[in-house]
Amino acid sequence: MNAAVSEHWIEAGGLRIHYLQAGGSGSPVMLLHGGGTDSAALSWKEAIPALAVSHRVYAPDWPGFGDSDKPDIAYSMDTFIDCLGVLMDTLELSRASLVGISMGGAAALGYTLRSPDRVERLVLVDSYGLQAKPPFPLISYLFVVMPVVNELTWALMAGSRGMVRWTLRQMFHDPRRVSEQIVDEAYRLMRQPGVGRAWRKFQRSEVTPRGLRTVFLDRLGEITAPTLILHGAQDTLVPVTCAQEAYARIKGSVLHVVEGSGHWLPRERPEEFNRLVTEFLSAS
């Protein structure tokens, strides 16, 4: 039986942060969503109640995303790693397991390297921070440095459910799994004031002419927390070879490559995702 999910806001680092919480017992787990149009509810809707059966689950919206404050500030990977530390302190969590997807995976990695004593277990899901270059490097860089084109793309998405649906389908291996409910959830987020600003600024911080700024590959050998690496076999945004390289470098890590899944494993294959993460978090 799945646990009920409640909604909360908390003051952290001078910002009003929105988070979802479920489960009243068991060790704490932080679920960290990705970038783009993402939010805690969007990525973790299926995972929160399932994991909360045996854990205390917290799923925050990053600053600039979801229903959290969206200040007009610089956004970088350090912004989110710092935010995670402040959230852990404010929620009085001395230790927690971290589960991060895409950008959230890189934040979990960065925090684990910065504060290893506070991370019980680490789960990386189609994680950013494991590749030196983005797909189509030159096109990605030109898109980021041309703010008019970037902002126009977001404006088109905010005005069209069809554009939102098309974008979501690029993240799935099987486009038939992009339900109208998921489209509605993403479309609601796209129409919020200030949406996309944090992601666009983060992209400008991350994408350089030489490649991506945040690359943790050379430091993965420092990780001592038990680590599970989950990756969609058909992920076109972060190639599966990145997960395989991380597995080779993180001593004692476990790798599961899920066939029939793209970049958004928790929503495309929720049953398999929940089973693998629950088993890993509950292992002795």
C-alpha atoms as a PDB file:
ATOM      1  CA  MET A   1       0.000   0.000   0.000  1.00  0.00           C
ATOM      2  CA  ASN A   2       1.451   3.369  -1.022  1.00  0.00           C
ATOM      3  CA  ALA A   3       1.917   6.208   1.484  1.00  0.00           C
ATOM      4  CA  ALA A   4       0.087   9.543   1.261  1.00  0.00           C
ATOM      5  CA  VAL A   5       1.990  12.529  -0.132  1.00  0.00           C
ATOM      6  CA  SER A   6       1.779  15.968   1.512  1.00  0.00           C
ATOM      7  CA  GLU A   7       2.845  19.386   0.242  1.00  0.00           C
ATOM      8  CA  HIS A   8       5.035  21.836   2.189  1.00  0.00           C
ATOM      9  CA  TRP A   9       7.011  25.066   1.899  1.00  0.00           C
ATOM     10  CA  ILE A  10      10.152  25.908   3.863  1.00  0.00           C
ATOM     11  CA  GLU A  11      12.442  28.936   4.145  1.00  0.00           C
ATOM     12  CA  ALA A  12      15.942  27.865   3.112  1.00  0.00           C
ATOM     13  CA  GLY A  13      18.772  30.227   2.307  1.00  0.00           C
ATOM     14  CA  GLY A  14      16.396  33.171   2.078  1.00  0.00           C
ATOM     15  CA  LEU A  15      14.192  31.400  -0.481  1.00  0.00           C
ATOM     16  CA  ARG A  16      10.771  29.792  -0.167  1.00  0.00           C
ATOM     17  CA  ILE A  17      11.280  26.195  -1.271  1.00  0.00           C
ATOM     18  CA  HIS A  18       8.389  23.905  -2.130  1.00  0.00           C
ATOM     19  CA  TYR A  19       8.703  20.205  -1.386  1.00  0.00           C
ATOM     20  CA  LEU A  20       6.648  17.033  -1.263  1.00  0.00           C
ATOM     21  CA  GLN A  21       6.930  14.649   1.670  1.00  0.00           C
ATOM     22  CA  ALA A  22       5.699  11.154   2.394  1.00  0.00           C
ATOM     23  CA  GLY A  23       6.417   8.394   4.877  1.00  0.00           C
ATOM     24  CA  GLY A  24       6.809   8.739   8.621  1.00  0.00           C
ATOM     25  CA  SER A  25       9.424   6.124   9.374  1.00  0.00           C
ATOM     26  CA  GLY A  26      12.577   4.646   7.933  1.00  0.00           C
ATOM     27  CA  SER A  27      15.742   6.389   6.797  1.00  0.00           C
ATOM     28  CA  PRO A  28      15.393   9.706   4.913  1.00  0.00           C
ATOM     29  CA  VAL A  29      15.611   9.858   1.118  1.00  0.00           C
ATOM     30  CA  MET A  30      15.954  13.047  -0.957  1.00  0.00           C
ATOM     31  CA  LEU A  31      14.626  12.889  -4.524  1.00  0.00           C
ATOM     32  CA  LEU A  32      16.288  15.508  -6.754  1.00  0.00           C
ATOM     33  CA  HIS A  33      14.644  16.353 -10.067  1.00  0.00           C
ATOM     34  CA  GLY A  34      16.276  17.446 -13.309  1.00  0.00           C
ATOM     35  CA  GLY A  35      16.312  20.611 -15.397  1.00  0.00           C
ATOM     36  CA  GLY A  36      14.283  21.943 -18.300  1.00  0.00           C
ATOM     37  CA  THR A  37      10.583  21.892 -17.439  1.00  0.00           C
ATOM     38  CA  ASP A  38      11.047  19.486 -14.549  1.00  0.00           C
ATOM     39  CA  SER A  39       9.779  19.584 -10.966  1.00  0.00           C
ATOM     40  CA  ALA A  40       9.550  17.241  -7.993  1.00  0.00           C
ATOM     41  CA  ALA A  41       5.987  16.239  -8.832  1.00  0.00           C
ATOM     42  CA  LEU A  42       6.750  15.748 -12.522  1.00  0.00           C
ATOM     43  CA  SER A  43       9.723  13.395 -12.168  1.00  0.00           C
ATOM     44  CA  TRP A  44       8.814  11.662  -8.915  1.00  0.00           C
ATOM     45  CA  LYS A  45       5.019  11.383  -9.021  1.00  0.00           C
ATOM     46  CA  GLU A  46       5.106   7.590  -9.252  1.00  0.00           C
ATOM     47  CA  ALA A  47       8.183   7.137  -7.046  1.00  0.00           C
ATOM     48  CA  ILE A  48       7.331   9.155  -3.927  1.00  0.00           C
ATOM     49  CA  PRO A  49       4.432   7.053  -2.575  1.00  0.00           C
ATOM     50  CA  ALA A  50       6.147   3.795  -3.468  1.00  0.00           C
ATOM     51  CA  LEU A  51       9.462   4.637  -1.765  1.00  0.00           C
ATOM     52  CA  ALA A  52       7.661   6.151   1.230  1.00  0.00           C
ATOM     53  CA  VAL A  53       6.323   2.748   2.266  1.00  0.00           C
ATOM     54  CA  SER A  54       9.686   2.093   3.922  1.00  0.00           C
ATOM     55  CA  HIS A  55      11.414   5.522   3.973  1.00  0.00           C
ATOM     56  CA  ARG A  56      10.855   9.166   4.859  1.00  0.00           C
ATOM     57  CA  VAL A  57      10.858  10.794   1.424  1.00  0.00           C
ATOM     58  CA  TYR A  58      11.514  14.459   0.631  1.00  0.00           C
ATOM     59  CA  ALA A  59      11.238  15.775  -2.936  1.00  0.00           C
ATOM     60  CA  PRO A  60      12.043  19.492  -3.260  1.00  0.00           C
ATOM     61  CA  ASP A  61      11.580  21.796  -6.232  1.00  0.00           C
ATOM     62  CA  TRP A  62      14.917  23.439  -6.973  1.00  0.00           C
ATOM     63  CA  PRO A  63      15.030  27.260  -6.818  1.00  0.00           C
ATOM     64  CA  GLY A  64      13.768  28.535 -10.160  1.00  0.00           C
ATOM     65  CA  PHE A  65      11.682  25.396 -10.778  1.00  0.00           C
ATOM     66  CA  GLY A  66       8.240  24.046  -9.948  1.00  0.00           C
ATOM     67  CA  ASP A  67       6.482  25.912  -7.142  1.00  0.00           C
ATOM     68  CA  SER A  68       9.650  27.186  -5.411  1.00  0.00           C
ATOM     69  CA  ASP A  69      10.783  30.814  -5.576  1.00  0.00           C
ATOM     70  CA  LYS A  70      12.208  31.841  -8.934  1.00  0.00           C
ATOM     71  CA  PRO A  71      14.672  34.652  -8.160  1.00  0.00           C
ATOM     72  CA  ASP A  72      16.513  36.404 -10.979  1.00  0.00           C
ATOM     73  CA  ILE A  73      19.986  35.256  -9.916  1.00  0.00           C
ATOM     74  CA  ALA A  74      22.901  33.413 -11.461  1.00  0.00           C
ATOM     75  CA  TYR A  75      22.288  29.657 -11.646  1.00  0.00           C
ATOM     76  CA  SER A  76      25.150  27.182 -11.782  1.00  0.00           C
ATOM     77  CA  MET A  77      25.792  23.668 -10.528  1.00  0.00           C
ATOM     78  CA  ASP A  78      27.138  25.181  -7.305  1.00  0.00           C
ATOM     79  CA  THR A  79      23.754  26.912  -6.856  1.00  0.00           C
ATOM     80  CA  PHE A  80      22.010  23.552  -6.600  1.00  0.00           C
ATOM     81  CA  ILE A  81      24.724  21.805  -4.593  1.00  0.00           C
ATOM     82  CA  ASP A  82      24.656  24.687  -2.085  1.00  0.00           C
ATOM     83  CA  CYS A  83      20.852  24.571  -2.011  1.00  0.00           C
ATOM     84  CA  LEU A  84      20.901  20.852  -1.227  1.00  0.00           C
ATOM     85  CA  GLY A  85      23.201  21.467   1.745  1.00  0.00           C
ATOM     86  CA  VAL A  86      20.932  24.228   3.066  1.00  0.00           C
ATOM     87  CA  LEU A  87      17.864  22.013   2.647  1.00  0.00           C
ATOM     88  CA  MET A  88      19.522  19.164   4.537  1.00  0.00           C
ATOM     89  CA  ASP A  89      20.338  21.551   7.374  1.00  0.00           C
ATOM     90  CA  THR A  90      16.900  23.203   7.443  1.00  0.00           C
ATOM     91  CA  LEU A  91      15.106  19.857   7.439  1.00  0.00           C
ATOM     92  CA  GLU A  92      17.500  18.695  10.188  1.00  0.00           C
ATOM     93  CA  LEU A  93      18.736  15.719   8.198  1.00  0.00           C
ATOM     94  CA  SER A  94      22.198  14.773   9.392  1.00  0.00           C
ATOM     95  CA  ARG A  95      22.345  11.998   6.765  1.00  0.00           C
ATOM     96  CA  ALA A  96      20.152  10.968   3.859  1.00  0.00           C
ATOM     97  CA  SER A  97      20.177   8.849   0.748  1.00  0.00           C
ATOM     98  CA  LEU A  98      20.191  10.920  -2.445  1.00  0.00           C
ATOM     99  CA  VAL A  99      18.364   9.945  -5.629  1.00  0.00           C
ATOM    100  CA  GLY A 100      19.001  12.350  -8.499  1.00  0.00           C
ATOM    101  CA  ILE A 101      17.932  12.347 -12.135  1.00  0.00           C
ATOM    102  CA  SER A 102      19.825  14.218 -14.858  1.00  0.00           C
ATOM    103  CA  MET A 103      20.776  17.651 -13.425  1.00  0.00           C
ATOM    104  CA  GLY A 104      19.650  16.404 -10.005  1.00  0.00           C
ATOM    105  CA  GLY A 105      22.042  13.491 -10.353  1.00  0.00           C
ATOM    106  CA  ALA A 106      24.953  15.880 -10.865  1.00  0.00           C
ATOM    107  CA  ALA A 107      23.873  17.883  -7.807  1.00  0.00           C
ATOM    108  CA  ALA A 108      23.746  14.653  -5.786  1.00  0.00           C
ATOM    109  CA  LEU A 109      27.210  13.734  -7.053  1.00  0.00           C
ATOM    110  CA  GLY A 110      28.639  17.153  -6.241  1.00  0.00           C
ATOM    111  CA  TYR A 111      27.151  17.124  -2.747  1.00  0.00           C
ATOM    112  CA  THR A 112      28.414  13.585  -2.111  1.00  0.00           C
ATOM    113  CA  LEU A 113      31.931  14.663  -3.046  1.00  0.00           C
ATOM    114  CA  ARG A 114      31.642  17.790  -0.895  1.00  0.00           C
ATOM    115  CA  SER A 115      29.994  16.210   2.188  1.00  0.00           C
ATOM    116  CA  PRO A 116      30.527  12.432   2.009  1.00  0.00           C
ATOM    117  CA  ASP A 117      29.701  11.908   5.685  1.00  0.00           C
ATOM    118  CA  ARG A 118      26.123  13.121   5.093  1.00  0.00           C
ATOM    119  CA  VAL A 119      25.235  10.752   2.237  1.00  0.00           C
ATOM    120  CA  GLU A 120      24.059   7.287   3.220  1.00  0.00           C
ATOM    121  CA  ARG A 121      23.393   5.917  -0.265  1.00  0.00           C
ATOM    122  CA  LEU A 122      23.554   7.428  -3.746  1.00  0.00           C
ATOM    123  CA  VAL A 123      21.337   6.693  -6.760  1.00  0.00           C
ATOM    124  CA  LEU A 124      22.245   8.251 -10.120  1.00  0.00           C
ATOM    125  CA  VAL A 125      19.474   8.176 -12.730  1.00  0.00           C
ATOM    126  CA  ASP A 126      20.457   9.088 -16.304  1.00  0.00           C
ATOM    127  CA  SER A 127      22.795  11.458 -14.531  1.00  0.00           C
ATOM    128  CA  TYR A 128      24.347  14.645 -15.796  1.00  0.00           C
ATOM    129  CA  GLY A 129      27.951  15.311 -14.766  1.00  0.00           C
ATOM    130  CA  LEU A 130      29.294  12.141 -16.407  1.00  0.00           C
ATOM    131  CA  GLN A 131      29.905  13.411 -19.944  1.00  0.00           C
ATOM    132  CA  ALA A 132      32.403  15.920 -21.287  1.00  0.00           C
ATOM    133  CA  LYS A 133      30.336  17.164 -24.235  1.00  0.00           C
ATOM    134  CA  PRO A 134      26.594  17.582 -24.896  1.00  0.00           C
ATOM    135  CA  PRO A 135      24.846  15.962 -27.859  1.00  0.00           C
ATOM    136  CA  PHE A 136      25.610  17.998 -31.012  1.00  0.00           C
ATOM    137  CA  PRO A 137      28.167  20.211 -29.190  1.00  0.00           C
ATOM    138  CA  LEU A 138      28.315  23.122 -31.657  1.00  0.00           C
ATOM    139  CA  ILE A 139      24.536  23.347 -32.070  1.00  0.00           C
ATOM    140  CA  SER A 140      24.074  23.165 -28.295  1.00  0.00           C
ATOM    141  CA  TYR A 141      26.560  25.975 -27.727  1.00  0.00           C
ATOM    142  CA  LEU A 142      25.070  28.223 -30.419  1.00  0.00           C
ATOM    143  CA  PHE A 143      21.573  27.643 -29.025  1.00  0.00           C
ATOM    144  CA  VAL A 144      22.682  28.661 -25.536  1.00  0.00           C
ATOM    145  CA  VAL A 145      24.570  31.796 -26.607  1.00  0.00           C
ATOM    146  CA  MET A 146      21.662  33.006 -28.761  1.00  0.00           C
ATOM    147  CA  PRO A 147      19.206  34.046 -26.025  1.00  0.00           C
ATOM    148  CA  VAL A 148      16.552  35.284 -28.461  1.00  0.00           C
ATOM    149  CA  VAL A 149      16.258  31.835 -30.050  1.00  0.00           C
ATOM    150  CA  ASN A 150      16.356  30.128 -26.650  1.00  0.00           C
ATOM    151  CA  GLU A 151      13.635  32.336 -25.171  1.00  0.00           C
ATOM    152  CA  LEU A 152      11.495  32.053 -28.319  1.00  0.00           C
ATOM    153  CA  THR A 153      11.570  28.274 -27.994  1.00  0.00           C
ATOM    154  CA  TRP A 154      10.297  28.518 -24.414  1.00  0.00           C
ATOM    155  CA  ALA A 155       7.592  30.990 -25.450  1.00  0.00           C
ATOM    156  CA  LEU A 156       6.384  28.594 -28.151  1.00  0.00           C
ATOM    157  CA  MET A 157       6.239  25.745 -25.652  1.00  0.00           C
ATOM    158  CA  ALA A 158       4.320  27.837 -23.117  1.00  0.00           C
ATOM    159  CA  GLY A 159       1.682  28.565 -25.738  1.00  0.00           C
ATOM    160  CA  SER A 160       1.288  25.092 -27.201  1.00  0.00           C
ATOM    161  CA  ARG A 161       0.412  21.759 -25.615  1.00  0.00           C
ATOM    162  CA  GLY A 162       1.500  20.195 -28.887  1.00  0.00           C
ATOM    163  CA  MET A 163       5.024  21.582 -28.479  1.00  0.00           C
ATOM    164  CA  VAL A 164       5.150  20.342 -24.888  1.00  0.00           C
ATOM    165  CA  ARG A 165       4.023  16.896 -26.029  1.00  0.00           C
ATOM    166  CA  TRP A 166       6.673  16.805 -28.791  1.00  0.00           C
ATOM    167  CA  THR A 167       9.415  17.846 -26.334  1.00  0.00           C
ATOM    168  CA  LEU A 168       8.448  15.178 -23.803  1.00  0.00           C
ATOM    169  CA  ARG A 169       8.465  12.517 -26.500  1.00  0.00           C
ATOM    170  CA  GLN A 170      12.137  13.265 -27.169  1.00  0.00           C
ATOM    171  CA  MET A 171      12.882  12.118 -23.612  1.00  0.00           C
ATOM    172  CA  PHE A 172      11.028   8.818 -23.924  1.00  0.00           C
ATOM    173  CA  HIS A 173      12.057   5.793 -25.943  1.00  0.00           C
ATOM    174  CA  ASP A 174       8.429   4.834 -26.519  1.00  0.00           C
ATOM    175  CA  PRO A 175       6.406   7.995 -27.317  1.00  0.00           C
ATOM    176  CA  ARG A 176       3.184   6.103 -26.601  1.00  0.00           C
ATOM    177  CA  ARG A 177       4.084   6.292 -22.920  1.00  0.00           C
ATOM    178  CA  VAL A 178       3.743  10.100 -22.993  1.00  0.00           C
ATOM    179  CA  SER A 179       0.212  10.275 -21.605  1.00  0.00           C
ATOM    180  CA  GLU A 180      -2.031  13.304 -21.805  1.00  0.00           C
ATOM    181  CA  GLN A 181      -1.772  13.503 -18.012  1.00  0.00           C
ATOM    182  CA  ILE A 182       2.016  13.966 -18.220  1.00  0.00           C
ATOM    183  CA  VAL A 183       1.531  16.567 -20.961  1.00  0.00           C
ATOM    184  CA  ASP A 184      -0.973  18.432 -18.770  1.00  0.00           C
ATOM    185  CA  GLU A 185       1.439  18.391 -15.810  1.00  0.00           C
ATOM    186  CA  ALA A 186       4.323  19.778 -17.895  1.00  0.00           C
ATOM    187  CA  TYR A 187       2.092  22.323 -19.637  1.00  0.00           C
ATOM    188  CA  ARG A 188       0.962  23.718 -16.274  1.00  0.00           C
ATOM    189  CA  LEU A 189       4.594  24.239 -15.281  1.00  0.00           C
ATOM    190  CA  MET A 190       5.429  25.879 -18.616  1.00  0.00           C
ATOM    191  CA  ARG A 191       2.782  28.550 -18.042  1.00  0.00           C
ATOM    192  CA  GLN A 192       4.100  29.686 -14.645  1.00  0.00           C
ATOM    193  CA  PRO A 193       5.669  33.177 -14.395  1.00  0.00           C
ATOM    194  CA  GLY A 194       9.455  33.046 -14.557  1.00  0.00           C
ATOM    195  CA  VAL A 195       9.578  29.450 -15.765  1.00  0.00           C
ATOM    196  CA  GLY A 196      12.646  28.546 -17.792  1.00  0.00           C
ATOM    197  CA  ARG A 197      14.802  31.447 -16.605  1.00  0.00           C
ATOM    198  CA  ALA A 198      16.798  29.313 -14.158  1.00  0.00           C
ATOM    199  CA  TRP A 199      17.333  26.591 -16.770  1.00  0.00           C
ATOM    200  CA  ARG A 200      18.467  29.045 -19.450  1.00  0.00           C
ATOM    201  CA  LYS A 201      20.939  30.651 -17.041  1.00  0.00           C
ATOM    202  CA  PHE A 202      22.165  27.239 -15.940  1.00  0.00           C
ATOM    203  CA  GLN A 203      22.728  26.259 -19.564  1.00  0.00           C
ATOM    204  CA  ARG A 204      24.741  29.426 -20.202  1.00  0.00           C
ATOM    205  CA  SER A 205      26.880  28.536 -17.183  1.00  0.00           C
ATOM    206  CA  GLU A 206      27.369  24.922 -18.246  1.00  0.00           C
ATOM    207  CA  VAL A 207      27.736  24.856 -22.035  1.00  0.00           C
ATOM    208  CA  THR A 208      31.080  26.253 -23.196  1.00  0.00           C
ATOM    209  CA  PRO A 209      32.851  26.173 -26.579  1.00  0.00           C
ATOM    210  CA  ARG A 210      35.025  23.332 -25.253  1.00  0.00           C
ATOM    211  CA  GLY A 211      32.205  21.251 -23.782  1.00  0.00           C
ATOM    212  CA  LEU A 212      30.351  20.960 -20.499  1.00  0.00           C
ATOM    213  CA  ARG A 213      31.591  22.684 -17.357  1.00  0.00           C
ATOM    214  CA  THR A 214      30.428  20.092 -14.810  1.00  0.00           C
ATOM    215  CA  VAL A 215      32.266  16.821 -15.357  1.00  0.00           C
ATOM    216  CA  PHE A 216      32.873  14.648 -12.269  1.00  0.00           C
ATOM    217  CA  LEU A 217      34.495  11.675 -14.009  1.00  0.00           C
ATOM    218  CA  ASP A 218      37.974  12.238 -12.586  1.00  0.00           C
ATOM    219  CA  ARG A 219      36.607  12.375  -9.026  1.00  0.00           C
ATOM    220  CA  LEU A 220      34.277   9.373  -9.081  1.00  0.00           C
ATOM    221  CA  GLY A 221      36.931   7.215  -7.445  1.00  0.00           C
ATOM    222  CA  GLU A 222      36.523   9.307  -4.269  1.00  0.00           C
ATOM    223  CA  ILE A 223      32.934   8.140  -3.713  1.00  0.00           C
ATOM    224  CA  THR A 224      32.594   5.636  -0.895  1.00  0.00           C
ATOM    225  CA  ALA A 225      28.810   5.645  -0.417  1.00  0.00           C
ATOM    226  CA  PRO A 226      26.993   2.594  -1.802  1.00  0.00           C
ATOM    227  CA  THR A 227      25.967   3.689  -5.285  1.00  0.00           C
ATOM    228  CA  LEU A 228      23.298   2.508  -7.718  1.00  0.00           C
ATOM    229  CA  ILE A 229      23.510   3.699 -11.327  1.00  0.00           C
ATOM    230  CA  LEU A 230      20.283   3.461 -13.333  1.00  0.00           C
ATOM    231  CA  HIS A 231      20.221   4.373 -17.004  1.00  0.00           C
ATOM    232  CA  GLY A 232      17.831   4.042 -19.906  1.00  0.00           C
ATOM    233  CA  ALA A 233      19.417   1.987 -22.667  1.00  0.00           C
ATOM    234  CA  GLN A 234      17.930   4.318 -25.284  1.00  0.00           C
ATOM    235  CA  ASP A 235      18.775   7.612 -23.530  1.00  0.00           C
ATOM    236  CA  THR A 236      19.707  10.056 -26.318  1.00  0.00           C
ATOM    237  CA  LEU A 237      20.624  12.957 -23.995  1.00  0.00           C
ATOM    238  CA  VAL A 238      23.145  11.160 -21.767  1.00  0.00           C
ATOM    239  CA  PRO A 239      24.589   8.139 -23.605  1.00  0.00           C
ATOM    240  CA  VAL A 240      24.594   4.849 -21.728  1.00  0.00           C
ATOM    241  CA  THR A 241      28.383   4.737 -22.112  1.00  0.00           C
ATOM    242  CA  CYS A 242      28.514   7.514 -19.475  1.00  0.00           C
ATOM    243  CA  ALA A 243      26.794   5.259 -16.949  1.00  0.00           C
ATOM    244  CA  GLN A 244      29.130   2.404 -17.838  1.00  0.00           C
ATOM    245  CA  GLU A 245      32.153   4.661 -17.308  1.00  0.00           C
ATOM    246  CA  ALA A 246      30.800   5.772 -13.917  1.00  0.00           C
ATOM    247  CA  TYR A 247      30.253   2.140 -12.926  1.00  0.00           C
ATOM    248  CA  ALA A 248      33.865   1.358 -13.772  1.00  0.00           C
ATOM    249  CA  ARG A 249      35.142   4.264 -11.659  1.00  0.00           C
ATOM    250  CA  ILE A 250      32.909   4.057  -8.546  1.00  0.00           C
ATOM    251  CA  LYS A 251      34.194   1.176  -6.477  1.00  0.00           C
ATOM    252  CA  GLY A 252      31.499  -1.317  -5.504  1.00  0.00           C
ATOM    253  CA  SER A 253      28.757   0.444  -7.478  1.00  0.00           C
ATOM    254  CA  VAL A 254      25.819  -1.376  -9.077  1.00  0.00           C
ATOM    255  CA  LEU A 255      24.698  -0.682 -12.658  1.00  0.00           C
ATOM    256  CA  HIS A 256      21.280  -1.423 -14.151  1.00  0.00           C
ATOM    257  CA  VAL A 257      20.711  -0.495 -17.796  1.00  0.00           C
ATOM    258  CA  VAL A 258      16.970  -0.578 -18.448  1.00  0.00           C
ATOM    259  CA  GLU A 259      15.988  -1.630 -21.951  1.00  0.00           C
ATOM    260  CA  GLY A 260      13.089   0.196 -23.539  1.00  0.00           C
ATOM    261  CA  SER A 261      13.674   3.449 -21.657  1.00  0.00           C
ATOM    262  CA  GLY A 262      14.968   6.862 -22.646  1.00  0.00           C
ATOM    263  CA  HIS A 263      16.125   9.725 -20.417  1.00  0.00           C
ATOM    264  CA  TRP A 264      13.125   9.814 -18.042  1.00  0.00           C
ATOM    265  CA  LEU A 265      13.234   6.386 -16.432  1.00  0.00           C
ATOM    266  CA  PRO A 266      11.008   7.170 -13.369  1.00  0.00           C
ATOM    267  CA  ARG A 267       8.100   8.132 -15.658  1.00  0.00           C
ATOM    268  CA  GLU A 268       8.686   5.809 -18.600  1.00  0.00           C
ATOM    269  CA  ARG A 269       9.320   2.633 -16.574  1.00  0.00           C
ATOM    270  CA  PRO A 270       8.008   3.513 -13.065  1.00  0.00           C
ATOM    271  CA  GLU A 271       7.385  -0.027 -11.831  1.00  0.00           C
ATOM    272  CA  GLU A 272      10.900  -1.205 -12.650  1.00  0.00           C
ATOM    273  CA  PHE A 273      12.425   2.021 -11.343  1.00  0.00           C
ATOM    274  CA  ASN A 274      10.592   1.813  -8.014  1.00  0.00           C
ATOM    275  CA  ARG A 275      11.506  -1.839  -7.562  1.00  0.00           C
ATOM    276  CA  LEU A 276      15.219  -1.330  -8.246  1.00  0.00           C
ATOM    277  CA  VAL A 277      15.518   1.740  -6.012  1.00  0.00           C
ATOM    278  CA  THR A 278      13.494   0.197  -3.169  1.00  0.00           C
ATOM    279  CA  GLU A 279      15.654  -2.944  -3.210  1.00  0.00           C
ATOM    280  CA  PHE A 280      18.845  -0.888  -3.227  1.00  0.00           C
ATOM    281  CA  LEU A 281      17.801   1.453  -0.419  1.00  0.00           C
ATOM    282  CA  SER A 282      16.649  -1.450   1.733  1.00  0.00           C
ATOM    283  CA  ALA A 283      19.754  -3.603   1.211  1.00  0.00           C
ATOM    284  CA  SER A 284      21.831  -4.334   4.296  1.00  0.00           C
END
